[in-house]
PDB file of N, CA and C in Angstrom:
ATOM      1  N   MET A   1      62.727  76.236  88.223  1.00  0.00           N
ATOM      2  CA  MET A   1      62.990  74.750  88.786  1.00  0.00           C
ATOM      3  C   MET A   1      63.566  74.278  88.131  1.00  0.00           C
ATOM      4  N   GLN A   2      63.547  74.342  86.817  1.00  0.00           N
ATOM      5  CA  GLN A   2      64.630  73.312  85.839  1.00  0.00           C
ATOM      6  C   GLN A   2      65.942  73.884  86.297  1.00  0.00           C
ATOM      7  N   GLU A   3      66.272  75.000  86.470  1.00  0.00           N
ATOM      8  CA  GLU A   3      67.556  75.430  86.459  1.00  0.00           C
ATOM      9  C   GLU A   3      68.376  74.639  87.850  1.00  0.00           C
ATOM     10  N   ALA A   4      67.524  74.604  88.942  1.00  0.00           N
ATOM     11  CA  ALA A   4      68.112  73.841  90.069  1.00  0.00           C
ATOM     12  C   ALA A   4      68.230  72.433  89.854  1.00  0.00           C
ATOM     13  N   VAL A   5      67.466  71.766  89.012  1.00  0.00           N
ATOM     14  CA  VAL A   5      67.296  70.304  88.863  1.00  0.00           C
ATOM     15  C   VAL A   5      68.589  70.219  87.896  1.00  0.00           C
ATOM     16  N   ASP A   6      68.840  70.815  87.189  1.00  0.00           N
ATOM     17  CA  ASP A   6      70.035  70.832  85.883  1.00  0.00           C
ATOM     18  C   ASP A   6      71.604  70.989  86.748  1.00  0.00           C
ATOM     19  N   PHE A   7      71.408  71.926  88.114  1.00  0.00           N
ATOM     20  CA  PHE A   7      72.486  71.976  88.792  1.00  0.00           C
ATOM     21  C   PHE A   7      73.067  70.680  89.358  1.00  0.00           C
ATOM     22  N   VAL A   8      71.807  70.084  90.061  1.00  0.00           N
ATOM     23  CA  VAL A   8      72.394  68.822  90.706  1.00  0.00           C
ATOM     24  C   VAL A   8      72.393  67.621  89.885  1.00  0.00           C
ATOM     25  N   SER A   9      72.221  67.910  88.955  1.00  0.00           N
ATOM     26  CA  SER A   9      71.991  66.527  87.688  1.00  0.00           C
ATOM     27  C   SER A   9      73.415  66.058  87.528  1.00  0.00           C
ATOM     28  N   LEU A  10      73.878  64.866  88.139  1.00  0.00           N
ATOM     29  CA  LEU A  10      75.258  64.277  88.162  1.00  0.00           C
ATOM     30  C   LEU A  10      75.120  62.948  87.486  1.00  0.00           C
ATOM     31  N   ASP A  11      76.451  62.512  86.718  1.00  0.00           N
ATOM     32  CA  ASP A  11      76.403  61.192  86.260  1.00  0.00           C
ATOM     33  C   ASP A  11      76.284  60.143  87.092  1.00  0.00           C
ATOM     34  N   THR A  12      76.652  60.581  88.401  1.00  0.00           N
ATOM     35  CA  THR A  12      76.464  59.512  89.649  1.00  0.00           C
ATOM     36  C   THR A  12      75.295  59.290  90.239  1.00  0.00           C
ATOM     37  N   CYS A  13      74.580  60.010  89.875  1.00  0.00           N
ATOM     38  CA  CYS A  13      73.247  59.842  90.666  1.00  0.00           C
ATOM     39  C   CYS A  13      72.117  59.587  89.839  1.00  0.00           C
ATOM     40  N   GLY A  14      71.336  58.448  90.361  1.00  0.00           N
ATOM     41  CA  GLY A  14      70.150  57.942  89.688  1.00  0.00           C
ATOM     42  C   GLY A  14      69.037  58.663  90.034  1.00  0.00           C
ATOM     43  N   ALA A  15      68.862  59.802  90.861  1.00  0.00           N
ATOM     44  CA  ALA A  15      67.714  60.449  91.368  1.00  0.00           C
ATOM     45  C   ALA A  15      67.921  61.554  91.697  1.00  0.00           C
ATOM     46  N   ILE A  16      67.012  62.692  91.192  1.00  0.00           N
ATOM     47  CA  ILE A  16      66.740  63.878  91.455  1.00  0.00           C
ATOM     48  C   ILE A  16      65.310  64.055  92.128  1.00  0.00           C
ATOM     49  N   ASN A  17      65.236  64.659  93.610  1.00  0.00           N
ATOM     50  CA  ASN A  17      64.163  65.172  94.258  1.00  0.00           C
ATOM     51  C   ASN A  17      63.999  66.283  94.128  1.00  0.00           C
ATOM     52  N   SER A  18      63.038  67.300  93.765  1.00  0.00           N
ATOM     53  CA  SER A  18      62.826  68.670  93.535  1.00  0.00           C
ATOM     54  C   SER A  18      61.498  69.121  94.380  1.00  0.00           C
ATOM     55  N   PHE A  19      61.584  70.016  95.095  1.00  0.00           N
ATOM     56  CA  PHE A  19      60.386  70.660  95.793  1.00  0.00           C
ATOM     57  C   PHE A  19      60.273  72.258  95.516  1.00  0.00           C
ATOM     58  N   CYS A  20      59.012  72.893  95.432  1.00  0.00           N
ATOM     59  CA  CYS A  20      58.869  74.348  95.314  1.00  0.00           C
ATOM     60  C   CYS A  20      57.708  74.589  95.717  1.00  0.00           C
ATOM     61  N   GLY A  21      57.803  75.415  96.828  1.00  0.00           N
ATOM     62  CA  GLY A  21      56.847  76.221  97.778  1.00  0.00           C
ATOM     63  C   GLY A  21      56.297  77.232  97.249  1.00  0.00           C
ATOM     64  N   GLN A  22      55.112  77.278  97.088  1.00  0.00           N
ATOM     65  CA  GLN A  22      54.502  78.809  96.681  1.00  0.00           C
ATOM     66  C   GLN A  22      53.423  79.322  97.875  1.00  0.00           C
ATOM     67  N   THR A  23      53.074  80.485  97.408  1.00  0.00           N
ATOM     68  CA  THR A  23      52.335  81.315  98.539  1.00  0.00           C
ATOM     69  C   THR A  23      50.752  80.886  97.930  1.00  0.00           C
ATOM     70  N   ARG A  24      50.229  80.421  99.078  1.00  0.00           N
ATOM     71  CA  ARG A  24      48.642  79.736  99.086  1.00  0.00           C
ATOM     72  C   ARG A  24      47.659  80.974  99.724  1.00  0.00           C
ATOM     73  N   ASN A  25      46.403  80.817  99.257  1.00  0.00           N
ATOM     74  CA  ASN A  25      45.527  82.106  99.585  1.00  0.00           C
ATOM     75  C   ASN A  25      45.060  81.809 100.810  1.00  0.00           C
ATOM     76  N   HIS A  26      45.294  81.031 101.651  1.00  0.00           N
ATOM     77  CA  HIS A  26      44.612  81.089 102.683  1.00  0.00           C
ATOM     78  C   HIS A  26      45.670  80.081 103.886  1.00  0.00           C
ATOM     79  N   GLU A  27      45.445  80.340 105.061  1.00  0.00           N
ATOM     80  CA  GLU A  27      46.378  79.860 106.162  1.00  0.00           C
ATOM     81  C   GLU A  27      45.335  79.777 107.485  1.00  0.00           C
ATOM     82  N   LYS A  28      45.129  78.394 108.055  1.00  0.00           N
ATOM     83  CA  LYS A  28      44.026  78.440 109.179  1.00  0.00           C
ATOM     84  C   LYS A  28      42.752  79.203 109.080  1.00  0.00           C
ATOM     85  N   GLY A  29      42.071  78.805 107.845  1.00  0.00           N
ATOM     86  CA  GLY A  29      40.602  79.333 107.516  1.00  0.00           C
ATOM     87  C   GLY A  29      40.903  80.959 107.608  1.00  0.00           C
ATOM     88  N   ARG A  30      41.761  81.818 107.278  1.00  0.00           N
ATOM     89  CA  ARG A  30      42.171  83.210 107.120  1.00  0.00           C
ATOM     90  C   ARG A  30      42.511  83.559 105.719  1.00  0.00           C
ATOM     91  N   ARG A  31      42.064  84.525 104.661  1.00  0.00           N
ATOM     92  CA  ARG A  31      41.982  84.644 103.599  1.00  0.00           C
ATOM     93  C   ARG A  31      43.763  85.256 103.605  1.00  0.00           C
ATOM     94  N   VAL A  32      44.684  84.747 102.861  1.00  0.00           N
ATOM     95  CA  VAL A  32      46.012  85.554 102.725  1.00  0.00           C
ATOM     96  C   VAL A  32      45.892  86.147 101.480  1.00  0.00           C
ATOM     97  N   THR A  33      46.525  87.400 101.393  1.00  0.00           N
ATOM     98  CA  THR A  33      46.750  88.599 100.282  1.00  0.00           C
ATOM     99  C   THR A  33      47.977  88.196  99.526  1.00  0.00           C
ATOM    100  N   THR A  34      48.985  88.261 100.603  1.00  0.00           N
ATOM    101  CA  THR A  34      50.451  88.018 100.013  1.00  0.00           C
ATOM    102  C   THR A  34      51.396  87.811 101.263  1.00  0.00           C
ATOM    103  N   LEU A  35      52.649  87.277 100.967  1.00  0.00           N
ATOM    104  CA  LEU A  35      53.430  87.131 101.884  1.00  0.00           C
ATOM    105  C   LEU A  35      54.827  87.865 101.894  1.00  0.00           C
ATOM    106  N   PHE A  36      55.539  88.335 102.918  1.00  0.00           N
ATOM    107  CA  PHE A  36      56.744  88.795 103.014  1.00  0.00           C
ATOM    108  C   PHE A  36      57.783  88.271 103.490  1.00  0.00           C
ATOM    109  N   TYR A  37      58.996  88.029 103.259  1.00  0.00           N
ATOM    110  CA  TYR A  37      59.954  87.405 104.112  1.00  0.00           C
ATOM    111  C   TYR A  37      60.919  88.219 104.250  1.00  0.00           C
ATOM    112  N   ASP A  38      61.797  88.133 105.159  1.00  0.00           N
ATOM    113  CA  ASP A  38      63.055  88.993 105.655  1.00  0.00           C
ATOM    114  C   ASP A  38      63.615  87.929 106.226  1.00  0.00           C
ATOM    115  N   CYS A  39      65.271  88.288 105.994  1.00  0.00           N
ATOM    116  CA  CYS A  39      66.000  87.514 106.587  1.00  0.00           C
ATOM    117  C   CYS A  39      67.312  88.455 107.191  1.00  0.00           C
ATOM    118  N   TYR A  40      68.264  87.851 107.780  1.00  0.00           N
ATOM    119  CA  TYR A  40      69.543  88.336 108.198  1.00  0.00           C
ATOM    120  C   TYR A  40      70.606  87.507 107.072  1.00  0.00           C
ATOM    121  N   GLN A  41      70.797  88.238 106.151  1.00  0.00           N
ATOM    122  CA  GLN A  41      71.425  87.692 105.270  1.00  0.00           C
ATOM    123  C   GLN A  41      72.708  86.574 105.227  1.00  0.00           C
ATOM    124  N   GLU A  42      73.553  87.545 105.887  1.00  0.00           N
ATOM    125  CA  GLU A  42      75.062  86.729 106.140  1.00  0.00           C
ATOM    126  C   GLU A  42      74.687  85.457 107.169  1.00  0.00           C
ATOM    127  N   MET A  43      73.789  85.698 108.184  1.00  0.00           N
ATOM    128  CA  MET A  43      73.742  84.394 109.079  1.00  0.00           C
ATOM    129  C   MET A  43      72.850  83.291 108.442  1.00  0.00           C
ATOM    130  N   ALA A  44      72.048  83.801 107.387  1.00  0.00           N
ATOM    131  CA  ALA A  44      71.324  82.599 106.588  1.00  0.00           C
ATOM    132  C   ALA A  44      72.106  81.976 105.636  1.00  0.00           C
ATOM    133  N   GLU A  45      73.066  82.703 104.967  1.00  0.00           N
ATOM    134  CA  GLU A  45      73.503  82.031 104.257  1.00  0.00           C
ATOM    135  C   GLU A  45      74.751  81.128 104.775  1.00  0.00           C
ATOM    136  N   LYS A  46      75.334  81.638 106.001  1.00  0.00           N
ATOM    137  CA  LYS A  46      75.954  80.820 106.596  1.00  0.00           C
ATOM    138  C   LYS A  46      75.473  79.377 107.385  1.00  0.00           C
ATOM    139  N   GLN A  47      74.243  79.429 107.866  1.00  0.00           N
ATOM    140  CA  GLN A  47      73.668  78.158 108.416  1.00  0.00           C
ATOM    141  C   GLN A  47      73.012  77.663 107.290  1.00  0.00           C
ATOM    142  N   THR A  48      72.927  78.032 106.033  1.00  0.00           N
ATOM    143  CA  THR A  48      72.305  77.033 104.683  1.00  0.00           C
ATOM    144  C   THR A  48      73.388  76.327 104.474  1.00  0.00           C
ATOM    145  N   THR A  49      74.696  76.899 104.535  1.00  0.00           N
ATOM    146  CA  THR A  49      76.096  76.238 104.063  1.00  0.00           C
ATOM    147  C   THR A  49      76.157  75.061 104.893  1.00  0.00           C
ATOM    148  N   GLN A  50      76.135  75.489 105.961  1.00  0.00           N
ATOM    149  CA  GLN A  50      76.072  74.405 107.171  1.00  0.00           C
ATOM    150  C   GLN A  50      75.169  73.161 107.375  1.00  0.00           C
ATOM    151  N   LEU A  51      73.887  73.472 106.963  1.00  0.00           N
ATOM    152  CA  LEU A  51      72.901  72.503 107.013  1.00  0.00           C
ATOM    153  C   LEU A  51      72.897  71.497 105.767  1.00  0.00           C
ATOM    154  N   ILE A  52      73.458  72.200 104.767  1.00  0.00           N
ATOM    155  CA  ILE A  52      73.312  71.473 103.366  1.00  0.00           C
ATOM    156  C   ILE A  52      74.632  70.470 103.666  1.00  0.00           C
ATOM    157  N   ARG A  53      75.434  70.869 104.409  1.00  0.00           N
ATOM    158  CA  ARG A  53      77.075  69.848 104.200  1.00  0.00           C
ATOM    159  C   ARG A  53      76.145  68.860 105.354  1.00  0.00           C
ATOM    160  N   GLN A  54      75.692  68.847 106.029  1.00  0.00           N
ATOM    161  CA  GLN A  54      75.133  68.060 106.998  1.00  0.00           C
ATOM    162  C   GLN A  54      73.994  66.816 106.346  1.00  0.00           C
ATOM    163  N   ILE A  55      73.123  67.600 105.753  1.00  0.00           N
ATOM    164  CA  ILE A  55      72.389  66.736 105.024  1.00  0.00           C
ATOM    165  C   ILE A  55      72.924  66.032 104.180  1.00  0.00           C
ATOM    166  N   LYS A  56      73.823  66.599 103.205  1.00  0.00           N
ATOM    167  CA  LYS A  56      74.433  65.818 102.198  1.00  0.00           C
ATOM    168  C   LYS A  56      75.313  64.384 102.862  1.00  0.00           C
ATOM    169  N   SER A  57      75.844  64.723 104.125  1.00  0.00           N
ATOM    170  CA  SER A  57      76.478  63.688 104.766  1.00  0.00           C
ATOM    171  C   SER A  57      75.557  62.684 105.192  1.00  0.00           C
ATOM    172  N   GLU A  58      74.611  63.180 106.011  1.00  0.00           N
ATOM    173  CA  GLU A  58      73.499  62.116 106.729  1.00  0.00           C
ATOM    174  C   GLU A  58      72.650  61.410 105.536  1.00  0.00           C
ATOM    175  N   TYR A  59      72.499  61.929 104.406  1.00  0.00           N
ATOM    176  CA  TYR A  59      71.617  61.269 103.534  1.00  0.00           C
ATOM    177  C   TYR A  59      72.158  60.756 102.224  1.00  0.00           C
ATOM    178  N   GLU A  60      73.650  60.956 102.279  1.00  0.00           N
ATOM    179  CA  GLU A  60      74.338  60.653 101.026  1.00  0.00           C
ATOM    180  C   GLU A  60      73.969  61.381  99.647  1.00  0.00           C
ATOM    181  N   ILE A  61      73.572  62.356 100.095  1.00  0.00           N
ATOM    182  CA  ILE A  61      73.100  63.328  98.947  1.00  0.00           C
ATOM    183  C   ILE A  61      74.660  64.129  97.986  1.00  0.00           C
ATOM    184  N   GLU A  62      74.739  63.808  96.776  1.00  0.00           N
ATOM    185  CA  GLU A  62      75.831  64.359  96.223  1.00  0.00           C
ATOM    186  C   GLU A  62      75.421  65.694  95.779  1.00  0.00           C
ATOM    187  N   GLY A  63      74.326  66.213  95.220  1.00  0.00           N
ATOM    188  CA  GLY A  63      74.061  67.650  94.706  1.00  0.00           C
ATOM    189  C   GLY A  63      72.808  68.458  95.383  1.00  0.00           C
ATOM    190  N   VAL A  64      73.072  69.446  95.716  1.00  0.00           N
ATOM    191  CA  VAL A  64      72.084  70.438  96.431  1.00  0.00           C
ATOM    192  C   VAL A  64      72.030  71.609  95.658  1.00  0.00           C
ATOM    193  N   SER A  65      70.695  71.997  95.461  1.00  0.00           N
ATOM    194  CA  SER A  65      70.454  73.720  95.159  1.00  0.00           C
ATOM    195  C   SER A  65      69.169  73.924  95.692  1.00  0.00           C
ATOM    196  N   LEU A  66      69.420  75.167  96.572  1.00  0.00           N
ATOM    197  CA  LEU A  66      68.213  75.686  97.568  1.00  0.00           C
ATOM    198  C   LEU A  66      68.239  77.315  97.350  1.00  0.00           C
ATOM    199  N   PHE A  67      66.943  77.773  97.240  1.00  0.00           N
ATOM    200  CA  PHE A  67      66.916  78.960  96.761  1.00  0.00           C
ATOM    201  C   PHE A  67      65.584  79.550  97.612  1.00  0.00           C
ATOM    202  N   HIS A  68      65.916  80.717  98.409  1.00  0.00           N
ATOM    203  CA  HIS A  68      64.568  81.054  98.957  1.00  0.00           C
ATOM    204  C   HIS A  68      64.625  82.676  98.612  1.00  0.00           C
ATOM    205  N   LYS A  69      63.237  82.828  98.258  1.00  0.00           N
ATOM    206  CA  LYS A  69      63.072  84.315  98.240  1.00  0.00           C
ATOM    207  C   LYS A  69      62.844  85.404  99.355  1.00  0.00           C
ATOM    208  N   THR A  70      63.322  86.439  99.174  1.00  0.00           N
ATOM    209  CA  THR A  70      63.085  87.209 100.051  1.00  0.00           C
ATOM    210  C   THR A  70      62.300  88.595  99.482  1.00  0.00           C
ATOM    211  N   GLY A  71      61.855  89.307 100.532  1.00  0.00           N
ATOM    212  CA  GLY A  71      60.600  90.292 100.037  1.00  0.00           C
ATOM    213  C   GLY A  71      59.487  89.886  99.408  1.00  0.00           C
ATOM    214  N   GLU A  72      58.441  90.336  98.867  1.00  0.00           N
ATOM    215  CA  GLU A  72      57.100  90.085  98.654  1.00  0.00           C
ATOM    216  C   GLU A  72      56.905  88.995  97.960  1.00  0.00           C
ATOM    217  N   VAL A  73      56.173  87.979  98.211  1.00  0.00           N
ATOM    218  CA  VAL A  73      55.824  86.846  97.238  1.00  0.00           C
ATOM    219  C   VAL A  73      54.377  86.859  97.108  1.00  0.00           C
ATOM    220  N   PRO A  74      54.075  87.287  96.007  1.00  0.00           N
ATOM    221  CA  PRO A  74      52.330  87.337  95.955  1.00  0.00           C
ATOM    222  C   PRO A  74      51.775  85.777  95.653  1.00  0.00           C
ATOM    223  N   ILE A  75      50.440  85.805  95.909  1.00  0.00           N
ATOM    224  CA  ILE A  75      49.466  84.259  95.878  1.00  0.00           C
ATOM    225  C   ILE A  75      50.212  83.810  94.301  1.00  0.00           C
ATOM    226  N   GLY A  76      50.334  82.500  94.665  1.00  0.00           N
ATOM    227  CA  GLY A  76      50.673  81.646  93.170  1.00  0.00           C
ATOM    228  C   GLY A  76      52.146  81.610  92.742  1.00  0.00           C
ATOM    229  N   GLU A  77      52.904  82.929  93.709  1.00  0.00           N
ATOM    230  CA  GLU A  77      54.552  82.966  93.383  1.00  0.00           C
ATOM    231  C   GLU A  77      55.233  81.701  94.330  1.00  0.00           C
ATOM    232  N   THR A  78      56.065  81.569  93.803  1.00  0.00           N
ATOM    233  CA  THR A  78      57.125  80.372  94.449  1.00  0.00           C
ATOM    234  C   THR A  78      58.140  81.506  95.240  1.00  0.00           C
ATOM    235  N   SER A  79      58.436  80.721  96.590  1.00  0.00           N
ATOM    236  CA  SER A  79      59.041  81.329  97.732  1.00  0.00           C
ATOM    237  C   SER A  79      60.378  80.498  98.010  1.00  0.00           C
ATOM    238  N   ILE A  80      60.363  79.361  97.606  1.00  0.00           N
ATOM    239  CA  ILE A  80      61.365  78.504  97.859  1.00  0.00           C
ATOM    240  C   ILE A  80      61.523  77.183  96.778  1.00  0.00           C
ATOM    241  N   ILE A  81      62.552  77.013  96.631  1.00  0.00           N
ATOM    242  CA  ILE A  81      63.118  75.806  95.325  1.00  0.00           C
ATOM    243  C   ILE A  81      64.023  74.921  96.210  1.00  0.00           C
ATOM    244  N   ILE A  82      63.916  73.742  96.262  1.00  0.00           N
ATOM    245  CA  ILE A  82      65.266  72.855  96.840  1.00  0.00           C
ATOM    246  C   ILE A  82      65.252  71.514  95.725  1.00  0.00           C
ATOM    247  N   ALA A  83      66.168  71.225  94.930  1.00  0.00           N
ATOM    248  CA  ALA A  83      66.517  70.211  94.461  1.00  0.00           C
ATOM    249  C   ALA A  83      67.880  69.480  95.078  1.00  0.00           C
ATOM    250  N   ALA A  84      67.545  67.873  95.413  1.00  0.00           N
ATOM    251  CA  ALA A  84      68.841  67.253  95.886  1.00  0.00           C
ATOM    252  C   ALA A  84      68.861  66.120  94.802  1.00  0.00           C
ATOM    253  N   SER A  85      70.333  65.663  94.563  1.00  0.00           N
ATOM    254  CA  SER A  85      70.430  64.548  93.694  1.00  0.00           C
ATOM    255  C   SER A  85      70.971  63.491  94.690  1.00  0.00           C
ATOM    256  N   ALA A  86      71.014  62.245  94.497  1.00  0.00           N
ATOM    257  CA  ALA A  86      71.345  61.125  95.066  1.00  0.00           C
ATOM    258  C   ALA A  86      71.575  59.863  94.282  1.00  0.00           C
ATOM    259  N   PRO A  87      72.393  58.969  94.687  1.00  0.00           N
ATOM    260  CA  PRO A  87      72.541  57.475  93.929  1.00  0.00           C
ATOM    261  C   PRO A  87      70.929  56.909  93.594  1.00  0.00           C
ATOM    262  N   HIS A  88      70.364  57.000  94.716  1.00  0.00           N
ATOM    263  CA  HIS A  88      68.910  56.420  94.919  1.00  0.00           C
ATOM    264  C   HIS A  88      67.987  57.654  95.411  1.00  0.00           C
ATOM    265  N   ARG A  89      66.652  56.954  94.778  1.00  0.00           N
ATOM    266  CA  ARG A  89      65.684  58.049  95.241  1.00  0.00           C
ATOM    267  C   ARG A  89      65.213  57.952  96.555  1.00  0.00           C
ATOM    268  N   ARG A  90      65.421  57.182  97.390  1.00  0.00           N
ATOM    269  CA  ARG A  90      65.174  57.175  98.852  1.00  0.00           C
ATOM    270  C   ARG A  90      65.797  58.202  99.559  1.00  0.00           C
ATOM    271  N   GLN A  91      67.132  58.518  99.117  1.00  0.00           N
ATOM    272  CA  GLN A  91      68.009  59.356  99.887  1.00  0.00           C
ATOM    273  C   GLN A  91      67.341  60.462  99.259  1.00  0.00           C
ATOM    274  N   ALA A  92      67.171  60.883  98.215  1.00  0.00           N
ATOM    275  CA  ALA A  92      66.866  62.254  97.619  1.00  0.00           C
ATOM    276  C   ALA A  92      65.973  62.563  97.966  1.00  0.00           C
ATOM    277  N   ILE A  93      64.621  61.837  98.389  1.00  0.00           N
ATOM    278  CA  ILE A  93      63.334  62.449  98.803  1.00  0.00           C
ATOM    279  C   ILE A  93      63.392  62.576 100.418  1.00  0.00           C
ATOM    280  N   LEU A  94      64.333  61.788 101.126  1.00  0.00           N
ATOM    281  CA  LEU A  94      64.106  62.131 102.586  1.00  0.00           C
ATOM    282  C   LEU A  94      65.143  63.223 102.947  1.00  0.00           C
ATOM    283  N   GLY A  95      66.456  63.085 102.189  1.00  0.00           N
ATOM    284  CA  GLY A  95      67.117  64.055 102.269  1.00  0.00           C
ATOM    285  C   GLY A  95      66.485  65.944 101.978  1.00  0.00           C
ATOM    286  N   THR A  96      65.649  65.469 100.842  1.00  0.00           N
ATOM    287  CA  THR A  96      65.169  66.909 100.203  1.00  0.00           C
ATOM    288  C   THR A  96      63.883  67.497 101.847  1.00  0.00           C
ATOM    289  N   LEU A  97      63.406  66.389 102.064  1.00  0.00           N
ATOM    290  CA  LEU A  97      62.198  66.752 103.358  1.00  0.00           C
ATOM    291  C   LEU A  97      63.138  66.932 104.346  1.00  0.00           C
ATOM    292  N   GLU A  98      64.003  66.587 104.900  1.00  0.00           N
ATOM    293  CA  GLU A  98      65.008  66.933 106.034  1.00  0.00           C
ATOM    294  C   GLU A  98      65.452  68.085 105.755  1.00  0.00           C
ATOM    295  N   LEU A  99      65.815  68.540 104.833  1.00  0.00           N
ATOM    296  CA  LEU A  99      66.668  69.666 104.547  1.00  0.00           C
ATOM    297  C   LEU A  99      65.675  70.967 104.569  1.00  0.00           C
ATOM    298  N   LEU A 100      64.219  70.489 103.941  1.00  0.00           N
ATOM    299  CA  LEU A 100      63.252  71.692 104.087  1.00  0.00           C
ATOM    300  C   LEU A 100      62.919  72.029 105.499  1.00  0.00           C
ATOM    301  N   ASP A 101      62.415  71.079 106.009  1.00  0.00           N
ATOM    302  CA  ASP A 101      62.308  71.087 107.590  1.00  0.00           C
ATOM    303  C   ASP A 101      63.300  71.928 108.368  1.00  0.00           C
ATOM    304  N   ARG A 102      64.436  71.377 108.162  1.00  0.00           N
ATOM    305  CA  ARG A 102      65.259  71.815 109.026  1.00  0.00           C
ATOM    306  C   ARG A 102      65.642  73.405 108.806  1.00  0.00           C
ATOM    307  N   PHE A 103      65.545  73.939 107.499  1.00  0.00           N
ATOM    308  CA  PHE A 103      65.859  75.004 106.812  1.00  0.00           C
ATOM    309  C   PHE A 103      64.786  75.776 107.645  1.00  0.00           C
ATOM    310  N   LYS A 104      63.772  75.621 107.579  1.00  0.00           N
ATOM    311  CA  LYS A 104      62.247  76.366 108.148  1.00  0.00           C
ATOM    312  C   LYS A 104      62.553  76.539 109.448  1.00  0.00           C
ATOM    313  N   GLN A 105      63.179  75.626 109.987  1.00  0.00           N
ATOM    314  CA  GLN A 105      63.239  75.702 111.689  1.00  0.00           C
ATOM    315  C   GLN A 105      64.357  76.505 112.177  1.00  0.00           C
ATOM    316  N   GLU A 106      65.811  76.523 111.512  1.00  0.00           N
ATOM    317  CA  GLU A 106      67.148  76.807 111.892  1.00  0.00           C
ATOM    318  C   GLU A 106      67.789  78.058 111.018  1.00  0.00           C
ATOM    319  N   VAL A 107      67.164  78.281 109.962  1.00  0.00           N
ATOM    320  CA  VAL A 107      67.579  79.589 109.429  1.00  0.00           C
ATOM    321  C   VAL A 107      66.891  80.733 109.477  1.00  0.00           C
ATOM    322  N   PRO A 108      67.614  81.892 109.843  1.00  0.00           N
ATOM    323  CA  PRO A 108      66.841  83.071 110.201  1.00  0.00           C
ATOM    324  C   PRO A 108      66.469  83.742 109.011  1.00  0.00           C
ATOM    325  N   ILE A 109      64.889  83.422 108.554  1.00  0.00           N
ATOM    326  CA  ILE A 109      64.489  83.651 107.751  1.00  0.00           C
ATOM    327  C   ILE A 109      62.885  84.132 108.147  1.00  0.00           C
ATOM    328  N   TRP A 110      62.367  84.943 108.165  1.00  0.00           N
ATOM    329  CA  TRP A 110      61.172  85.611 108.919  1.00  0.00           C
ATOM    330  C   TRP A 110      60.095  85.752 107.914  1.00  0.00           C
ATOM    331  N   LYS A 111      58.620  85.443 108.376  1.00  0.00           N
ATOM    332  CA  LYS A 111      57.719  85.089 107.136  1.00  0.00           C
ATOM    333  C   LYS A 111      56.517  86.176 107.877  1.00  0.00           C
ATOM    334  N   LYS A 112      55.929  87.288 107.187  1.00  0.00           N
ATOM    335  CA  LYS A 112      54.862  88.259 107.402  1.00  0.00           C
ATOM    336  C   LYS A 112      53.711  87.558 106.563  1.00  0.00           C
ATOM    337  N   GLU A 113      52.700  87.342 107.391  1.00  0.00           N
ATOM    338  CA  GLU A 113      51.608  87.120 106.189  1.00  0.00           C
ATOM    339  C   GLU A 113      50.704  88.315 106.266  1.00  0.00           C
ATOM    340  N   TYR A 114      50.343  88.783 105.424  1.00  0.00           N
ATOM    341  CA  TYR A 114      49.239  89.519 105.180  1.00  0.00           C
ATOM    342  C   TYR A 114      47.964  88.843 104.833  1.00  0.00           C
ATOM    343  N   PHE A 115      47.084  89.264 105.658  1.00  0.00           N
ATOM    344  CA  PHE A 115      45.531  88.601 105.761  1.00  0.00           C
ATOM    345  C   PHE A 115      44.667  89.718 105.459  1.00  0.00           C
ATOM    346  N   ALA A 116      43.500  89.117 104.875  1.00  0.00           N
ATOM    347  CA  ALA A 116      42.333  90.314 104.303  1.00  0.00           C
ATOM    348  C   ALA A 116      42.151  91.417 105.591  1.00  0.00           C
ATOM    349  N   ASP A 117      42.545  90.735 107.105  1.00  0.00           N
ATOM    350  CA  ASP A 117      42.276  91.522 108.065  1.00  0.00           C
ATOM    351  C   ASP A 117      43.415  92.125 108.789  1.00  0.00           C
ATOM    352  N   GLY A 118      44.452  92.192 108.006  1.00  0.00           N
ATOM    353  CA  GLY A 118      45.790  92.785 108.403  1.00  0.00           C
ATOM    354  C   GLY A 118      46.769  91.732 108.603  1.00  0.00           C
ATOM    355  N   PRO A 119      48.150  92.530 108.721  1.00  0.00           N
ATOM    356  CA  PRO A 119      49.519  91.625 108.744  1.00  0.00           C
ATOM    357  C   PRO A 119      49.668  90.960 110.253  1.00  0.00           C
ATOM    358  N   GLU A 120      50.636  89.764 110.262  1.00  0.00           N
ATOM    359  CA  GLU A 120      50.911  89.036 111.075  1.00  0.00           C
ATOM    360  C   GLU A 120      52.453  88.522 110.944  1.00  0.00           C
ATOM    361  N   TRP A 121      53.763  88.523 111.912  1.00  0.00           N
ATOM    362  CA  TRP A 121      54.845  87.908 111.643  1.00  0.00           C
ATOM    363  C   TRP A 121      54.180  86.411 112.225  1.00  0.00           C
ATOM    364  N   LYS A 122      54.737  85.441 111.170  1.00  0.00           N
ATOM    365  CA  LYS A 122      54.402  84.072 111.387  1.00  0.00           C
ATOM    366  C   LYS A 122      55.670  83.728 112.881  1.00  0.00           C
ATOM    367  N   GLU A 123      55.480  83.175 113.586  1.00  0.00           N
ATOM    368  CA  GLU A 123      56.301  82.717 114.538  1.00  0.00           C
ATOM    369  C   GLU A 123      56.879  81.383 114.635  1.00  0.00           C
ATOM    370  N   ASP A 124      55.819  80.633 114.190  1.00  0.00           N
ATOM    371  CA  ASP A 124      56.261  79.071 113.879  1.00  0.00           C
ATOM    372  C   ASP A 124      56.302  78.726 112.525  1.00  0.00           C
ATOM    373  N   GLN A 125      57.382  78.513 111.868  1.00  0.00           N
ATOM    374  CA  GLN A 125      57.900  78.121 110.862  1.00  0.00           C
ATOM    375  C   GLN A 125      57.353  76.835 110.100  1.00  0.00           C
ATOM    376  N   LYS A 126      56.877  75.939 110.831  1.00  0.00           N
ATOM    377  CA  LYS A 126      56.926  74.517 110.636  1.00  0.00           C
ATOM    378  C   LYS A 126      56.024  74.810 109.584  1.00  0.00           C
TER     379      LYS A 126
END
């Protein structure tokens, strides 16, 4: 996480907002044992770059760092890190939230949840 924050630390920005998402041990009353993420890497990178450009413009964000893990992500491990810097805190916070929400909706990364009673691909990434 610190590496992402350091990457977006700019003299022109008074605010850095960061988000770290990790695998929890439950989903809708079911026990989760692990997660697995897969993606279409070329398309994911292209769409992520376009999305970051849009968010930077819409929220006056100056620096962005986004990392999403693929493969297995056990309970308690980090799957996504986002850091955004802006001149003011509201821009950084709202920009980070919008980037996270749109990333999960628009970028082709798929999540398979492993439950105690078997695995399922998650269709709704919200």
